[in-house]
N, C-alpha and C. Protein backbone atom coordinates (compact mmCIF):
# COMPACT_ATOMS: atom_id res chain seq x y z
N MET A 1 -89.02 103.64 18.56
CA MET A 1 -89.84 103.65 17.36
C MET A 1 -89.00 104.18 16.19
N ASP A 2 -89.07 103.50 15.07
CA ASP A 2 -88.33 103.93 13.90
C ASP A 2 -88.96 105.17 13.29
N THR A 3 -88.11 106.00 12.73
CA THR A 3 -88.62 107.19 12.04
C THR A 3 -88.26 107.10 10.56
N LEU A 4 -89.04 107.79 9.78
CA LEU A 4 -88.89 107.80 8.33
C LEU A 4 -88.81 109.24 7.85
N ARG A 5 -88.29 109.43 6.65
CA ARG A 5 -88.25 110.77 6.06
C ARG A 5 -89.68 111.28 5.91
N CYS A 6 -89.87 112.53 6.26
CA CYS A 6 -91.21 113.13 6.17
C CYS A 6 -91.69 113.11 4.72
N TYR A 7 -92.90 112.61 4.53
CA TYR A 7 -93.50 112.48 3.22
C TYR A 7 -93.96 113.83 2.66
N HIS A 8 -94.13 114.81 3.51
CA HIS A 8 -94.61 116.12 3.08
C HIS A 8 -93.47 117.01 2.60
N CYS A 9 -92.40 117.10 3.38
CA CYS A 9 -91.29 118.00 3.04
C CYS A 9 -90.07 117.26 2.51
N ASP A 10 -90.19 115.96 2.35
CA ASP A 10 -89.10 115.10 1.86
C ASP A 10 -87.86 115.21 2.74
N GLY A 11 -88.09 115.34 4.04
CA GLY A 11 -86.99 115.37 5.00
C GLY A 11 -86.29 116.70 5.16
N GLN A 12 -86.79 117.73 4.49
CA GLN A 12 -86.14 119.05 4.54
C GLN A 12 -86.53 119.85 5.79
N GLY A 13 -87.64 119.50 6.43
CA GLY A 13 -88.09 120.24 7.61
C GLY A 13 -88.85 121.50 7.28
N GLU A 14 -88.91 121.84 6.02
CA GLU A 14 -89.66 123.01 5.58
C GLU A 14 -90.08 122.78 4.14
N SER A 15 -91.04 123.57 3.70
CA SER A 15 -91.49 123.45 2.32
C SER A 15 -91.84 124.82 1.79
N LEU A 16 -91.86 124.91 0.49
CA LEU A 16 -92.15 126.16 -0.19
C LEU A 16 -93.67 126.36 -0.24
N ALA A 17 -94.10 127.54 0.12
CA ALA A 17 -95.54 127.86 0.12
C ALA A 17 -95.74 129.24 -0.52
N HIS A 18 -96.85 129.37 -1.24
CA HIS A 18 -97.18 130.67 -1.81
C HIS A 18 -98.22 131.32 -0.91
N LEU A 19 -97.87 132.48 -0.38
CA LEU A 19 -98.76 133.22 0.50
C LEU A 19 -99.52 134.24 -0.34
N HIS A 20 -100.82 134.31 -0.14
CA HIS A 20 -101.68 135.25 -0.85
C HIS A 20 -102.11 136.36 0.12
N TYR A 21 -102.06 137.59 -0.35
CA TYR A 21 -102.43 138.72 0.49
C TYR A 21 -103.71 139.36 -0.01
N ALA A 22 -104.40 140.07 0.87
CA ALA A 22 -105.69 140.68 0.55
C ALA A 22 -105.59 141.68 -0.60
N ASP A 23 -104.43 142.28 -0.76
CA ASP A 23 -104.28 143.27 -1.85
C ASP A 23 -104.06 142.61 -3.20
N GLY A 24 -104.11 141.30 -3.25
CA GLY A 24 -103.95 140.58 -4.50
C GLY A 24 -102.53 140.14 -4.81
N HIS A 25 -101.60 140.59 -4.03
CA HIS A 25 -100.20 140.20 -4.22
C HIS A 25 -99.90 138.92 -3.43
N GLY A 26 -98.79 138.36 -3.71
CA GLY A 26 -98.38 137.18 -2.98
C GLY A 26 -96.87 137.01 -3.07
N GLU A 27 -96.37 136.06 -2.32
CA GLU A 27 -94.94 135.78 -2.36
C GLU A 27 -94.70 134.33 -1.96
N TRP A 28 -93.59 133.80 -2.42
CA TRP A 28 -93.17 132.46 -2.06
C TRP A 28 -92.28 132.55 -0.82
N ARG A 29 -92.53 131.65 0.13
CA ARG A 29 -91.72 131.59 1.34
C ARG A 29 -91.49 130.15 1.73
N ARG A 30 -90.39 129.90 2.38
CA ARG A 30 -90.13 128.57 2.95
C ARG A 30 -90.70 128.59 4.37
N LEU A 31 -91.58 127.64 4.65
CA LEU A 31 -92.22 127.56 5.97
C LEU A 31 -91.90 126.22 6.63
N ARG A 32 -91.85 126.24 7.94
CA ARG A 32 -91.61 125.02 8.70
C ARG A 32 -92.71 124.02 8.38
N CYS A 33 -92.33 122.79 8.15
CA CYS A 33 -93.30 121.73 7.82
C CYS A 33 -94.15 121.44 9.05
N THR A 34 -95.46 121.48 8.87
CA THR A 34 -96.37 121.20 9.99
C THR A 34 -96.57 119.71 10.19
N THR A 35 -96.23 118.91 9.17
CA THR A 35 -96.37 117.46 9.30
C THR A 35 -95.34 116.89 10.26
N CYS A 36 -94.08 117.30 10.09
CA CYS A 36 -92.99 116.76 10.92
C CYS A 36 -92.52 117.77 11.97
N ASP A 37 -93.17 118.91 12.04
CA ASP A 37 -92.81 119.99 12.96
C ASP A 37 -91.36 120.44 12.77
N GLY A 38 -90.91 120.37 11.51
CA GLY A 38 -89.57 120.85 11.18
C GLY A 38 -88.44 119.88 11.42
N THR A 39 -88.76 118.67 11.87
CA THR A 39 -87.69 117.71 12.16
C THR A 39 -87.23 116.95 10.91
N GLY A 40 -88.06 116.89 9.90
CA GLY A 40 -87.72 116.15 8.69
C GLY A 40 -88.04 114.67 8.76
N THR A 41 -88.55 114.23 9.92
CA THR A 41 -88.89 112.80 10.07
C THR A 41 -90.30 112.63 10.63
N VAL A 42 -90.89 111.47 10.33
CA VAL A 42 -92.19 111.10 10.89
C VAL A 42 -92.08 109.68 11.41
N SER A 43 -92.99 109.31 12.28
CA SER A 43 -93.00 107.95 12.80
C SER A 43 -93.60 107.01 11.75
N GLN A 44 -93.34 105.74 11.93
CA GLN A 44 -93.93 104.75 11.02
C GLN A 44 -95.46 104.82 11.09
N ALA A 45 -96.01 105.06 12.28
CA ALA A 45 -97.45 105.17 12.44
C ALA A 45 -98.00 106.34 11.63
N GLN A 46 -97.29 107.48 11.63
CA GLN A 46 -97.73 108.62 10.85
C GLN A 46 -97.69 108.29 9.36
N GLN A 47 -96.65 107.60 8.94
CA GLN A 47 -96.52 107.22 7.54
C GLN A 47 -97.66 106.30 7.13
N VAL A 48 -97.99 105.32 7.96
CA VAL A 48 -99.08 104.39 7.66
C VAL A 48 -100.40 105.13 7.58
N ALA A 49 -100.64 106.07 8.50
CA ALA A 49 -101.88 106.84 8.51
C ALA A 49 -101.99 107.69 7.24
N TRP A 50 -100.88 108.28 6.81
CA TRP A 50 -100.89 109.08 5.60
C TRP A 50 -101.16 108.21 4.37
N GLU A 51 -100.53 107.04 4.32
CA GLU A 51 -100.74 106.13 3.18
C GLU A 51 -102.20 105.67 3.11
N GLU A 52 -102.80 105.41 4.27
CA GLU A 52 -104.22 105.01 4.30
C GLU A 52 -105.09 106.15 3.81
N GLY A 53 -104.78 107.36 4.21
CA GLY A 53 -105.52 108.53 3.73
C GLY A 53 -105.41 108.69 2.23
N ARG A 54 -104.21 108.47 1.69
CA ARG A 54 -104.02 108.55 0.23
C ARG A 54 -104.83 107.47 -0.48
N ARG A 55 -104.85 106.27 0.09
CA ARG A 55 -105.61 105.17 -0.51
C ARG A 55 -107.09 105.52 -0.56
N ARG A 56 -107.60 106.03 0.55
CA ARG A 56 -109.02 106.39 0.60
C ARG A 56 -109.33 107.60 -0.28
N ARG A 57 -108.39 108.54 -0.39
CA ARG A 57 -108.58 109.68 -1.29
C ARG A 57 -108.71 109.18 -2.73
N ASP A 58 -107.84 108.23 -3.12
CA ASP A 58 -107.90 107.70 -4.47
C ASP A 58 -109.26 107.03 -4.75
N ILE A 59 -109.79 106.32 -3.76
CA ILE A 59 -111.11 105.68 -3.92
C ILE A 59 -112.18 106.75 -4.09
N ARG A 60 -112.12 107.77 -3.24
CA ARG A 60 -113.10 108.86 -3.31
C ARG A 60 -113.05 109.54 -4.67
N MET A 61 -111.86 109.83 -5.13
CA MET A 61 -111.72 110.54 -6.40
C MET A 61 -112.17 109.66 -7.57
N ALA A 62 -111.91 108.36 -7.51
CA ALA A 62 -112.36 107.45 -8.57
C ALA A 62 -113.88 107.41 -8.63
N ALA A 63 -114.53 107.63 -7.47
CA ALA A 63 -116.00 107.67 -7.41
C ALA A 63 -116.53 109.06 -7.78
N ASP A 64 -115.63 109.97 -8.13
CA ASP A 64 -115.98 111.33 -8.54
C ASP A 64 -116.72 112.09 -7.43
N LEU A 65 -116.22 111.95 -6.21
CA LEU A 65 -116.80 112.64 -5.07
C LEU A 65 -115.82 113.69 -4.54
N THR A 66 -116.34 114.82 -4.09
CA THR A 66 -115.51 115.83 -3.46
C THR A 66 -115.32 115.46 -1.99
N GLN A 67 -114.37 116.13 -1.35
CA GLN A 67 -114.19 115.90 0.09
C GLN A 67 -115.48 116.27 0.83
N ARG A 68 -116.11 117.34 0.41
CA ARG A 68 -117.35 117.79 1.07
C ARG A 68 -118.44 116.71 0.97
N GLU A 69 -118.58 116.11 -0.23
CA GLU A 69 -119.59 115.07 -0.42
C GLU A 69 -119.27 113.82 0.42
N MET A 70 -117.99 113.45 0.47
CA MET A 70 -117.61 112.26 1.22
C MET A 70 -117.77 112.51 2.72
N ALA A 71 -117.41 113.70 3.17
CA ALA A 71 -117.58 114.06 4.58
C ALA A 71 -119.05 113.95 4.97
N ALA A 72 -119.94 114.42 4.09
CA ALA A 72 -121.37 114.37 4.38
C ALA A 72 -121.85 112.91 4.48
N ARG A 73 -121.33 112.06 3.60
CA ARG A 73 -121.71 110.63 3.65
C ARG A 73 -121.29 109.99 4.96
N LEU A 74 -120.14 110.40 5.48
CA LEU A 74 -119.64 109.82 6.73
C LEU A 74 -120.15 110.56 7.96
N GLY A 75 -120.79 111.72 7.75
CA GLY A 75 -121.34 112.49 8.87
C GLY A 75 -120.30 113.32 9.61
N PHE A 76 -119.31 113.86 8.87
CA PHE A 76 -118.28 114.67 9.49
C PHE A 76 -118.17 116.01 8.81
N PRO A 77 -117.72 117.03 9.53
CA PRO A 77 -117.41 118.29 8.87
C PRO A 77 -116.26 118.07 7.88
N VAL A 78 -116.23 118.82 6.82
CA VAL A 78 -115.22 118.63 5.78
C VAL A 78 -113.81 118.84 6.34
N ALA A 79 -113.63 119.74 7.29
CA ALA A 79 -112.29 119.97 7.86
C ALA A 79 -111.77 118.73 8.56
N GLU A 80 -112.65 118.03 9.30
CA GLU A 80 -112.25 116.79 9.96
C GLU A 80 -111.93 115.71 8.94
N TYR A 81 -112.75 115.64 7.90
CA TYR A 81 -112.52 114.65 6.87
C TYR A 81 -111.18 114.88 6.19
N SER A 82 -110.86 116.13 5.91
CA SER A 82 -109.58 116.46 5.28
C SER A 82 -108.42 116.00 6.16
N GLN A 83 -108.54 116.19 7.46
CA GLN A 83 -107.49 115.75 8.38
C GLN A 83 -107.32 114.23 8.33
N MET A 84 -108.41 113.49 8.13
CA MET A 84 -108.33 112.03 8.02
C MET A 84 -107.56 111.66 6.76
N GLU A 85 -107.89 112.30 5.65
CA GLU A 85 -107.21 111.99 4.39
C GLU A 85 -105.72 112.33 4.46
N HIS A 86 -105.37 113.31 5.27
CA HIS A 86 -103.95 113.69 5.41
C HIS A 86 -103.25 112.91 6.52
N GLY A 87 -103.94 111.96 7.14
CA GLY A 87 -103.32 111.13 8.17
C GLY A 87 -103.14 111.81 9.50
N ARG A 88 -103.85 112.90 9.73
CA ARG A 88 -103.72 113.65 10.99
C ARG A 88 -104.80 113.32 12.00
N ARG A 89 -105.79 112.54 11.57
CA ARG A 89 -106.90 112.13 12.45
C ARG A 89 -107.27 110.71 12.06
N GLU A 90 -107.65 109.92 13.08
CA GLU A 90 -108.00 108.53 12.81
C GLU A 90 -109.34 108.42 12.11
N TRP A 91 -109.45 107.39 11.27
CA TRP A 91 -110.71 107.11 10.60
C TRP A 91 -111.69 106.51 11.59
N PRO A 92 -112.96 106.88 11.50
CA PRO A 92 -113.95 106.33 12.42
C PRO A 92 -114.22 104.86 12.12
N GLU A 93 -114.56 104.14 13.16
CA GLU A 93 -114.91 102.73 13.00
C GLU A 93 -116.09 102.60 12.05
N GLY A 94 -115.98 101.66 11.15
CA GLY A 94 -117.06 101.43 10.20
C GLY A 94 -116.93 102.18 8.90
N SER A 95 -115.99 103.12 8.83
CA SER A 95 -115.86 103.91 7.60
C SER A 95 -115.29 103.08 6.45
N GLU A 96 -114.54 102.05 6.77
CA GLU A 96 -113.94 101.23 5.71
C GLU A 96 -115.01 100.60 4.83
N SER A 97 -116.15 100.26 5.41
CA SER A 97 -117.21 99.64 4.62
C SER A 97 -117.77 100.60 3.56
N VAL A 98 -117.77 101.89 3.88
CA VAL A 98 -118.24 102.90 2.91
C VAL A 98 -117.28 102.94 1.73
N PHE A 99 -115.98 102.91 2.02
CA PHE A 99 -114.97 102.95 0.95
C PHE A 99 -114.97 101.65 0.15
N ALA A 100 -115.17 100.53 0.84
CA ALA A 100 -115.25 99.24 0.13
C ALA A 100 -116.42 99.23 -0.84
N ALA A 101 -117.55 99.79 -0.42
CA ALA A 101 -118.73 99.87 -1.30
C ALA A 101 -118.44 100.75 -2.51
N LEU A 102 -117.73 101.85 -2.29
CA LEU A 102 -117.38 102.73 -3.41
C LEU A 102 -116.46 102.01 -4.40
N GLU A 103 -115.53 101.22 -3.87
CA GLU A 103 -114.64 100.46 -4.75
C GLU A 103 -115.41 99.46 -5.59
N GLU A 104 -116.48 98.93 -5.02
CA GLU A 104 -117.31 97.95 -5.71
C GLU A 104 -118.25 98.62 -6.69
N GLY A 105 -118.28 99.94 -6.65
CA GLY A 105 -119.16 100.67 -7.57
C GLY A 105 -120.56 100.91 -7.03
N GLU A 106 -120.76 100.59 -5.75
CA GLU A 106 -122.06 100.80 -5.13
C GLU A 106 -122.20 102.26 -4.69
N HIS A 107 -123.41 102.75 -4.72
CA HIS A 107 -123.68 104.10 -4.22
C HIS A 107 -124.14 103.99 -2.80
N VAL A 108 -123.39 104.62 -1.92
CA VAL A 108 -123.69 104.54 -0.48
C VAL A 108 -124.42 105.78 -0.04
């Protein structure tokens, strides 16, 4: 299977993150990329799943819906829905029709 440069860390295997602490302070740290597990590469299937999530996110945002609202429409917890948009979980069968309706301007 062909691999591609990780879309999250741009092939670096890590990314910069700002950590927030309870005392109100924070710091920037380089953390291992959780998308590619630090390898800097992803499979073509992962790339396709991520691109599909971005496409659906764009549709959702054009409809002025939050992730929470869209998750409720599809009957999923918001955490699961977020994983779908990030390409980490498969979209449920039949969900494409909801997005197609949103693109058409219909309220589902």
